Amino acid sequence: MKDYIYQPHGVCAQQISYSLDDEGKIHDLKFVGGCNGNLKAIGKLLEGADARWAAQILRGNDCKGKGTSCADQLARSLEEALA
C-alpha cells in the first residue's frame, strides 16, 4: 500500500489522506477540517472502492458555488495519485 496526503484548495478541509493498495482500492480515507460528519461518511462509503471509479463520480461536485468541493478535491487527488 502507498500512502497519500493532499492539500486541498478552495474548500474547508485542510488535508486529505488515504492509502491505495496495489489494485487501486482506497483505504483509510480521512479529511482534516470540513464538514466532519459528511466527510467521515464519504470515508466509510469509499473504503475498499476503486479509486478510478470514485474519482469519476466525485469529479465536478460543487459546494456553494465554489467551483469545487471536498469531494471534488478528493477526485483530483486520486487522479494525481493514479497518474
Protein backbone atom coordinates (compact mmCIF):
# COMPACT_ATOMS: atom_id res chain seq x y z
CA MET A 1 0.00 0.00 0.00
CA LYS A 2 1.05 3.52 -0.71
CA ASP A 3 0.02 6.46 1.48
CA TYR A 4 -1.02 9.85 0.09
CA ILE A 5 -1.51 13.25 1.69
CA TYR A 6 -3.15 16.03 -0.32
CA GLN A 7 -3.59 19.71 0.50
CA PRO A 8 -6.98 20.70 -0.97
CA HIS A 9 -7.62 24.17 -2.41
CA GLY A 10 -10.72 26.36 -2.12
CA VAL A 11 -12.55 24.18 0.42
CA CYS A 12 -12.94 23.96 4.19
CA ALA A 13 -10.92 20.77 4.59
CA GLN A 14 -7.22 21.40 5.14
CA GLN A 15 -5.93 17.93 4.35
CA ILE A 16 -6.99 14.64 2.75
CA SER A 17 -5.10 11.42 3.49
CA TYR A 18 -5.64 7.87 2.27
CA SER A 19 -3.87 4.73 1.12
CA LEU A 20 -4.14 2.95 -2.22
CA ASP A 21 -3.44 -0.76 -2.45
CA ASP A 22 -1.82 -2.48 -5.44
CA GLU A 23 -5.24 -2.91 -7.08
CA GLY A 24 -6.07 0.81 -6.80
CA LYS A 25 -8.54 0.40 -3.93
CA ILE A 26 -8.98 3.20 -1.37
CA HIS A 27 -8.28 2.59 2.33
CA ASP A 28 -8.18 4.73 5.49
CA LEU A 29 -9.59 7.88 3.85
CA LYS A 30 -9.59 10.81 6.27
CA PHE A 31 -10.24 14.53 5.98
CA VAL A 32 -8.91 17.19 8.37
CA GLY A 33 -11.41 20.02 8.71
CA GLY A 34 -14.53 20.45 6.63
CA CYS A 35 -17.99 19.04 7.38
CA ASN A 36 -16.96 16.33 9.82
CA GLY A 37 -20.00 14.04 9.60
CA ASN A 38 -20.30 14.18 5.82
CA LEU A 39 -16.59 13.62 5.25
CA LYS A 40 -16.48 10.68 7.67
CA ALA A 41 -19.40 9.20 5.72
CA ILE A 42 -17.51 9.59 2.44
CA GLY A 43 -14.56 7.77 4.01
CA LYS A 44 -16.80 4.89 5.09
CA LEU A 45 -18.58 4.68 1.75
CA LEU A 46 -15.33 4.62 -0.23
CA GLU A 47 -13.45 2.11 1.94
CA GLY A 48 -12.25 -0.58 -0.47
CA ALA A 49 -13.69 1.23 -3.51
CA ASP A 50 -11.87 1.51 -6.82
CA ALA A 51 -10.05 4.86 -6.91
CA ARG A 52 -10.74 5.45 -10.64
CA TRP A 53 -14.45 4.90 -10.12
CA ALA A 54 -14.50 7.18 -7.07
CA ALA A 55 -12.67 9.95 -8.93
CA GLN A 56 -15.08 9.65 -11.85
CA ILE A 57 -18.23 10.01 -9.74
CA LEU A 58 -16.89 12.75 -7.43
CA ARG A 59 -15.19 14.95 -10.05
CA GLY A 60 -17.00 18.24 -10.56
CA ASN A 61 -19.08 18.10 -7.38
CA ASP A 62 -19.62 21.73 -6.31
CA CYS A 63 -20.06 23.26 -2.85
CA LYS A 64 -21.80 26.62 -2.53
CA GLY A 65 -20.75 27.83 -5.99
CA LYS A 66 -17.03 27.50 -5.20
CA GLY A 67 -16.38 25.52 -8.38
CA THR A 68 -15.05 22.68 -6.24
CA SER A 69 -15.82 20.76 -3.05
CA CYS A 70 -14.08 18.41 -0.66
CA ALA A 71 -15.33 15.51 -2.80
CA ASP A 72 -14.03 17.19 -5.98
CA GLN A 73 -10.68 17.82 -4.30
CA LEU A 74 -10.54 14.13 -3.37
CA ALA A 75 -11.23 13.23 -7.00
CA ARG A 76 -8.38 15.49 -8.14
CA SER A 77 -6.06 13.91 -5.58
CA LEU A 78 -6.98 10.40 -6.68
CA GLU A 79 -6.40 11.31 -10.33
CA GLU A 80 -2.93 12.63 -9.45
CA ALA A 81 -2.13 9.54 -7.43
CA LEU A 82 -3.19 7.23 -10.27
CA ALA A 83 -1.32 9.18 -13.00
